[in-house]
C-alpha atoms as a PDB file:
ATOM      1  CA  UNK A   1      20.255 -11.319   2.862  1.00  0.00           C
ATOM      2  CA  UNK A   2      20.280  -7.731   1.464  1.00  0.00           C
ATOM      3  CA  UNK A   3      21.534  -4.824   3.301  1.00  0.00           C
ATOM      4  CA  UNK A   4      20.204  -5.094   7.092  1.00  0.00           C
ATOM      5  CA  UNK A   5      21.240  -2.696   9.634  1.00  0.00           C
ATOM      6  CA  UNK A   6      22.661  -4.241  12.768  1.00  0.00           C
ATOM      7  CA  UNK A   7      19.614  -3.060  14.864  1.00  0.00           C
ATOM      8  CA  UNK A   8      17.011  -4.690  12.675  1.00  0.00           C
ATOM      9  CA  UNK A   9      15.119  -7.445  13.827  1.00  0.00           C
ATOM     10  CA  UNK A  10      14.765  -9.919  10.772  1.00  0.00           C
ATOM     11  CA  UNK A  11      13.486 -13.522  11.292  1.00  0.00           C
ATOM     12  CA  UNK A  12      15.737 -16.245   9.669  1.00  0.00           C
ATOM     13  CA  UNK A  13      12.885 -17.414   7.261  1.00  0.00           C
ATOM     14  CA  UNK A  14      12.319 -13.992   5.967  1.00  0.00           C
ATOM     15  CA  UNK A  15      13.513 -13.720   2.337  1.00  0.00           C
ATOM     16  CA  UNK A  16      15.360 -10.410   1.428  1.00  0.00           C
ATOM     17  CA  UNK A  17      16.629  -9.912  -2.055  1.00  0.00           C
ATOM     18  CA  UNK A  18      20.469  -8.909  -1.957  1.00  0.00           C
ATOM     19  CA  UNK A  19      19.411  -5.466  -3.337  1.00  0.00           C
ATOM     20  CA  UNK A  20      16.928  -4.435  -0.581  1.00  0.00           C
ATOM     21  CA  UNK A  21      17.663  -2.415   2.405  1.00  0.00           C
ATOM     22  CA  UNK A  22      16.189  -2.579   5.820  1.00  0.00           C
ATOM     23  CA  UNK A  23      16.995   0.362   8.127  1.00  0.00           C
ATOM     24  CA  UNK A  24      17.541   0.883  11.976  1.00  0.00           C
ATOM     25  CA  UNK A  25      14.966  -0.805  14.257  1.00  0.00           C
ATOM     26  CA  UNK A  26      13.002  -2.037  11.417  1.00  0.00           C
ATOM     27  CA  UNK A  27      11.346  -5.602  12.137  1.00  0.00           C
ATOM     28  CA  UNK A  28      10.673  -8.185   9.327  1.00  0.00           C
ATOM     29  CA  UNK A  29       8.707 -11.111  10.544  1.00  0.00           C
ATOM     30  CA  UNK A  30       8.673 -14.928   9.782  1.00  0.00           C
ATOM     31  CA  UNK A  31       8.498 -15.954   5.974  1.00  0.00           C
ATOM     32  CA  UNK A  32       8.149 -12.127   4.890  1.00  0.00           C
ATOM     33  CA  UNK A  33       9.683 -11.774   1.628  1.00  0.00           C
ATOM     34  CA  UNK A  34      11.077  -8.348   0.074  1.00  0.00           C
ATOM     35  CA  UNK A  35      11.912  -8.330  -3.192  1.00  0.00           C
ATOM     36  CA  UNK A  36      14.717  -6.373  -5.333  1.00  0.00           C
ATOM     37  CA  UNK A  37      15.488  -2.822  -4.420  1.00  0.00           C
ATOM     38  CA  UNK A  38      13.152  -2.755  -1.709  1.00  0.00           C
ATOM     39  CA  UNK A  39      13.862  -0.025   1.244  1.00  0.00           C
ATOM     40  CA  UNK A  40      12.468  -0.640   4.632  1.00  0.00           C
ATOM     41  CA  UNK A  41      12.546   2.568   6.685  1.00  0.00           C
ATOM     42  CA  UNK A  42      13.489   3.106  10.322  1.00  0.00           C
ATOM     43  CA  UNK A  43      11.055   1.369  12.536  1.00  0.00           C
ATOM     44  CA  UNK A  44       8.689  -0.108   9.979  1.00  0.00           C
ATOM     45  CA  UNK A  45       7.217  -3.240  10.809  1.00  0.00           C
ATOM     46  CA  UNK A  46       6.509  -6.033   8.164  1.00  0.00           C
ATOM     47  CA  UNK A  47       4.582  -8.797   9.466  1.00  0.00           C
ATOM     48  CA  UNK A  48       4.609 -12.527   8.813  1.00  0.00           C
ATOM     49  CA  UNK A  49       4.387 -13.605   5.266  1.00  0.00           C
ATOM     50  CA  UNK A  50       3.831 -10.223   4.074  1.00  0.00           C
ATOM     51  CA  UNK A  51       4.906 -10.183   0.079  1.00  0.00           C
ATOM     52  CA  UNK A  52       6.683  -6.862  -0.880  1.00  0.00           C
ATOM     53  CA  UNK A  53       7.197  -6.813  -4.702  1.00  0.00           C
ATOM     54  CA  UNK A  54      10.377  -5.227  -6.237  1.00  0.00           C
ATOM     55  CA  UNK A  55      11.258  -1.559  -6.161  1.00  0.00           C
ATOM     56  CA  UNK A  56       8.793  -1.006  -3.144  1.00  0.00           C
ATOM     57  CA  UNK A  57       9.504   1.787  -0.556  1.00  0.00           C
ATOM     58  CA  UNK A  58       8.047   1.312   3.018  1.00  0.00           C
ATOM     59  CA  UNK A  59       8.889   4.606   4.916  1.00  0.00           C
ATOM     60  CA  UNK A  60       9.573   5.023   8.384  1.00  0.00           C
ATOM     61  CA  UNK A  61       7.345   3.670  11.198  1.00  0.00           C
ATOM     62  CA  UNK A  62       4.808   2.103   8.677  1.00  0.00           C
ATOM     63  CA  UNK A  63       3.117  -0.779   9.987  1.00  0.00           C
ATOM     64  CA  UNK A  64       2.442  -3.422   7.161  1.00  0.00           C
ATOM     65  CA  UNK A  65       0.412  -6.358   9.201  1.00  0.00           C
ATOM     66  CA  UNK A  66      -0.036  -9.692   7.444  1.00  0.00           C
ATOM     67  CA  UNK A  67      -1.562 -11.033   4.894  1.00  0.00           C
ATOM     68  CA  UNK A  68      -0.751  -7.663   3.085  1.00  0.00           C
ATOM     69  CA  UNK A  69       0.559  -7.987  -0.423  1.00  0.00           C
ATOM     70  CA  UNK A  70       2.401  -5.183  -2.017  1.00  0.00           C
ATOM     71  CA  UNK A  71       2.774  -5.516  -6.105  1.00  0.00           C
ATOM     72  CA  UNK A  72       5.805  -3.878  -7.560  1.00  0.00           C
ATOM     73  CA  UNK A  73       6.568  -0.223  -7.254  1.00  0.00           C
ATOM     74  CA  UNK A  74       4.375   0.534  -4.125  1.00  0.00           C
ATOM     75  CA  UNK A  75       5.056   3.580  -1.881  1.00  0.00           C
ATOM     76  CA  UNK A  76       4.097   3.392   1.761  1.00  0.00           C
ATOM     77  CA  UNK A  77       4.552   6.843   3.453  1.00  0.00           C
ATOM     78  CA  UNK A  78       5.544   7.406   7.073  1.00  0.00           C
ATOM     79  CA  UNK A  79       3.290   6.248   9.745  1.00  0.00           C
ATOM     80  CA  UNK A  80       0.967   4.382   7.350  1.00  0.00           C
ATOM     81  CA  UNK A  81      -1.109   1.561   9.004  1.00  0.00           C
ATOM     82  CA  UNK A  82      -2.359  -1.579   6.918  1.00  0.00           C
ATOM     83  CA  UNK A  83      -4.712  -3.551   9.233  1.00  0.00           C
ATOM     84  CA  UNK A  84      -5.597  -6.933   9.161  1.00  0.00           C
ATOM     85  CA  UNK A  85      -8.489  -7.524  11.755  1.00  0.00           C
ATOM     86  CA  UNK A  86     -11.988  -6.514  10.396  1.00  0.00           C
ATOM     87  CA  UNK A  87     -13.818  -7.025  13.719  1.00  0.00           C
ATOM     88  CA  UNK A  88     -10.695  -6.211  16.232  1.00  0.00           C
ATOM     89  CA  UNK A  89     -11.295  -7.137  20.040  1.00  0.00           C
ATOM     90  CA  UNK A  90      -8.570  -7.736  22.987  1.00  0.00           C
ATOM     91  CA  UNK A  91     -11.070 -10.439  24.392  1.00  0.00           C
ATOM     92  CA  UNK A  92     -13.750 -12.584  23.523  1.00  0.00           C
ATOM     93  CA  UNK A  93     -17.483 -12.412  24.146  1.00  0.00           C
ATOM     94  CA  UNK A  94     -17.137 -14.539  27.276  1.00  0.00           C
ATOM     95  CA  UNK A  95     -14.116 -12.186  28.556  1.00  0.00           C
ATOM     96  CA  UNK A  96     -11.138 -14.801  27.738  1.00  0.00           C
ATOM     97  CA  UNK A  97      -8.059 -13.156  25.987  1.00  0.00           C
ATOM     98  CA  UNK A  98      -8.229 -13.357  22.346  1.00  0.00           C
ATOM     99  CA  UNK A  99      -5.458 -15.935  20.689  1.00  0.00           C
ATOM    100  CA  UNK A 100      -4.440 -16.295  17.183  1.00  0.00           C
ATOM    101  CA  UNK A 101      -6.931 -19.036  16.655  1.00  0.00           C
ATOM    102  CA  UNK A 102     -10.105 -16.539  17.538  1.00  0.00           C
ATOM    103  CA  UNK A 103      -9.955 -14.708  14.743  1.00  0.00           C
ATOM    104  CA  UNK A 104      -9.287 -14.815  10.857  1.00  0.00           C
ATOM    105  CA  UNK A 105      -6.614 -12.173   9.298  1.00  0.00           C
ATOM    106  CA  UNK A 106      -7.708 -10.172   6.406  1.00  0.00           C
ATOM    107  CA  UNK A 107      -5.603  -8.250   4.272  1.00  0.00           C
ATOM    108  CA  UNK A 108      -4.747  -5.208   2.366  1.00  0.00           C
ATOM    109  CA  UNK A 109      -3.995  -5.800  -1.605  1.00  0.00           C
ATOM    110  CA  UNK A 110      -1.944  -2.979  -2.812  1.00  0.00           C
ATOM    111  CA  UNK A 111      -1.592  -2.960  -6.622  1.00  0.00           C
ATOM    112  CA  UNK A 112       1.535  -1.920  -8.980  1.00  0.00           C
ATOM    113  CA  UNK A 113       2.491   1.529  -8.671  1.00  0.00           C
ATOM    114  CA  UNK A 114       0.173   2.614  -5.884  1.00  0.00           C
ATOM    115  CA  UNK A 115       1.076   5.183  -3.279  1.00  0.00           C
ATOM    116  CA  UNK A 116      -0.136   5.407   0.244  1.00  0.00           C
ATOM    117  CA  UNK A 117       0.437   8.786   1.753  1.00  0.00           C
ATOM    118  CA  UNK A 118       1.950   9.627   5.124  1.00  0.00           C
ATOM    119  CA  UNK A 119      -0.386   8.645   8.334  1.00  0.00           C
ATOM    120  CA  UNK A 120      -3.175   6.984   5.992  1.00  0.00           C
ATOM    121  CA  UNK A 121      -5.078   3.791   7.410  1.00  0.00           C
ATOM    122  CA  UNK A 122      -6.371   1.292   4.968  1.00  0.00           C
ATOM    123  CA  UNK A 123      -8.859  -0.883   7.057  1.00  0.00           C
ATOM    124  CA  UNK A 124      -8.737  -4.659   5.733  1.00  0.00           C
ATOM    125  CA  UNK A 125      -9.988  -6.241   3.446  1.00  0.00           C
ATOM    126  CA  UNK A 126      -9.241  -3.789   0.927  1.00  0.00           C
ATOM    127  CA  UNK A 127      -7.622  -3.256  -2.586  1.00  0.00           C
ATOM    128  CA  UNK A 128      -5.934  -0.238  -3.628  1.00  0.00           C
ATOM    129  CA  UNK A 129      -5.828  -0.411  -7.665  1.00  0.00           C
ATOM    130  CA  UNK A 130      -3.025   0.080  -9.740  1.00  0.00           C
ATOM    131  CA  UNK A 131      -1.296   3.549  -9.772  1.00  0.00           C
ATOM    132  CA  UNK A 132      -3.753   4.786  -7.355  1.00  0.00           C
ATOM    133  CA  UNK A 133      -2.939   7.686  -4.970  1.00  0.00           C
ATOM    134  CA  UNK A 134      -4.157   7.575  -1.047  1.00  0.00           C
ATOM    135  CA  UNK A 135      -3.929  11.051   0.190  1.00  0.00           C
ATOM    136  CA  UNK A 136      -1.771  11.602   3.608  1.00  0.00           C
ATOM    137  CA  UNK A 137      -4.302  10.933   6.577  1.00  0.00           C
ATOM    138  CA  UNK A 138      -7.056   9.111   4.745  1.00  0.00           C
ATOM    139  CA  UNK A 139      -8.806   6.280   5.988  1.00  0.00           C
ATOM    140  CA  UNK A 140      -9.433   3.842   3.009  1.00  0.00           C
ATOM    141  CA  UNK A 141     -12.394   1.501   4.081  1.00  0.00           C
ATOM    142  CA  UNK A 142     -13.407   0.133   0.392  1.00  0.00           C
ATOM    143  CA  UNK A 143     -11.503  -0.514  -2.528  1.00  0.00           C
ATOM    144  CA  UNK A 144      -9.854   1.919  -4.523  1.00  0.00           C
ATOM    145  CA  UNK A 145     -10.022   1.894  -8.439  1.00  0.00           C
ATOM    146  CA  UNK A 146      -6.820   2.035 -10.546  1.00  0.00           C
ATOM    147  CA  UNK A 147      -5.464   5.650 -10.931  1.00  0.00           C
ATOM    148  CA  UNK A 148      -7.958   7.047  -8.557  1.00  0.00           C
ATOM    149  CA  UNK A 149      -6.989   9.815  -6.342  1.00  0.00           C
ATOM    150  CA  UNK A 150      -8.724   9.382  -2.844  1.00  0.00           C
ATOM    151  CA  UNK A 151      -8.691  11.578   0.074  1.00  0.00           C
ATOM    152  CA  UNK A 152     -10.393  11.952   3.578  1.00  0.00           C
ATOM    153  CA  UNK A 153     -12.111   9.786   6.188  1.00  0.00           C
ATOM    154  CA  UNK A 154     -13.906   7.705   4.845  1.00  0.00           C
ATOM    155  CA  UNK A 155     -11.611   8.101   1.533  1.00  0.00           C
ATOM    156  CA  UNK A 156     -13.555   9.179  -1.261  1.00  0.00           C
ATOM    157  CA  UNK A 157     -12.423   9.763  -5.011  1.00  0.00           C
ATOM    158  CA  UNK A 158     -11.885  13.369  -5.809  1.00  0.00           C
ATOM    159  CA  UNK A 159      -9.775  12.971  -9.188  1.00  0.00           C
ATOM    160  CA  UNK A 160      -7.474  10.768 -11.175  1.00  0.00           C
ATOM    161  CA  UNK A 161      -3.685  10.440 -11.306  1.00  0.00           C
ATOM    162  CA  UNK A 162      -1.322   8.957 -13.772  1.00  0.00           C
ATOM    163  CA  UNK A 163       1.500   6.833 -13.449  1.00  0.00           C
ATOM    164  CA  UNK A 164       3.729   9.827 -12.944  1.00  0.00           C
ATOM    165  CA  UNK A 165       1.617  10.638  -9.706  1.00  0.00           C
ATOM    166  CA  UNK A 166       0.460  13.966 -10.987  1.00  0.00           C
ATOM    167  CA  UNK A 167      -3.348  15.014 -10.969  1.00  0.00           C
ATOM    168  CA  UNK A 168      -4.831  14.503 -14.392  1.00  0.00           C
ATOM    169  CA  UNK A 169      -6.682  17.218 -16.186  1.00  0.00           C
ATOM    170  CA  UNK A 170      -9.657  16.916 -18.187  1.00  0.00           C
ATOM    171  CA  UNK A 171      -9.001  17.086 -22.101  1.00  0.00           C
ATOM    172  CA  UNK A 172     -11.485  19.880 -23.216  1.00  0.00           C
ATOM    173  CA  UNK A 173     -11.348  18.721 -26.796  1.00  0.00           C
ATOM    174  CA  UNK A 174     -12.304  14.959 -26.155  1.00  0.00           C
ATOM    175  CA  UNK A 175     -15.172  14.621 -23.481  1.00  0.00           C
ATOM    176  CA  UNK A 176     -14.224  11.612 -21.261  1.00  0.00           C
ATOM    177  CA  UNK A 177     -10.501  11.728 -21.662  1.00  0.00           C
ATOM    178  CA  UNK A 178      -7.822  12.962 -19.622  1.00  0.00           C
ATOM    179  CA  UNK A 179      -4.089  14.114 -19.685  1.00  0.00           C
ATOM    180  CA  UNK A 180      -0.999  13.879 -17.403  1.00  0.00           C
ATOM    181  CA  UNK A 181       0.350  17.308 -17.403  1.00  0.00           C
ATOM    182  CA  UNK A 182       3.817  15.875 -16.568  1.00  0.00           C
ATOM    183  CA  UNK A 183       4.368  13.240 -19.372  1.00  0.00           C
ATOM    184  CA  UNK A 184       1.414  14.067 -21.849  1.00  0.00           C
ATOM    185  CA  UNK A 185      -0.126  10.529 -21.176  1.00  0.00           C
ATOM    186  CA  UNK A 186      -3.712  10.164 -22.402  1.00  0.00           C
ATOM    187  CA  UNK A 187      -6.399   8.376 -20.060  1.00  0.00           C
ATOM    188  CA  UNK A 188      -9.722   7.555 -20.870  1.00  0.00           C
ATOM    189  CA  UNK A 189     -12.695   7.078 -18.366  1.00  0.00           C
ATOM    190  CA  UNK A 190     -15.203   4.474 -18.300  1.00  0.00           C
ATOM    191  CA  UNK A 191     -18.132   4.911 -16.419  1.00  0.00           C
ATOM    192  CA  UNK A 192     -17.788   6.485 -13.047  1.00  0.00           C
ATOM    193  CA  UNK A 193     -15.130   4.712 -11.417  1.00  0.00           C
ATOM    194  CA  UNK A 194     -12.701   3.001 -14.277  1.00  0.00           C
ATOM    195  CA  UNK A 195      -9.775   4.685 -16.028  1.00  0.00           C
ATOM    196  CA  UNK A 196      -7.684   3.365 -18.487  1.00  0.00           C
ATOM    197  CA  UNK A 197      -4.258   4.561 -20.308  1.00  0.00           C
ATOM    198  CA  UNK A 198      -4.694   4.996 -23.788  1.00  0.00           C
ATOM    199  CA  UNK A 199      -1.907   3.723 -26.078  1.00  0.00           C
ATOM    200  CA  UNK A 200      -1.822   5.623 -29.307  1.00  0.00           C
END
């Protein structure tokens, strides 16, 4: 069951790949699954049934509440929160304590290669698109397109990023196309909120 630090609290029913690492004081709940090469940092929480794909990195004190799904290569920064209750309350309208049967969990779905910056909060239900980048401290309340760079509270798109994570620059010779300054990869904007990688 992976490389699990002695202080971590890992449920017997959790599935952890042999190459995964779970560090000091982290908690991995029942039926959660961690793929190959996953790293769970100190004090992080992985909720019941959460699915974490291969090569994900979850930094210290991040809270990944069920039923979140993290695709391959997702980065979760320190102190990030993925919520799961659209209408949170400690009690019901009649004053009785809320139990697990009094609400329906909703999740955050993070697609391949996306990154969530430190202390950002993703308010479920929401989808973070492939290779998107959520800036540190942002509050995401609506779906984020593939390759989008979003910041603020509420988060809004301020640009595009490529698979390398660097902000893209507009190609002045070809309107609607963007270039990655790190890799030279080319992207094409389709409409206001869609970007696709161009394979030449």
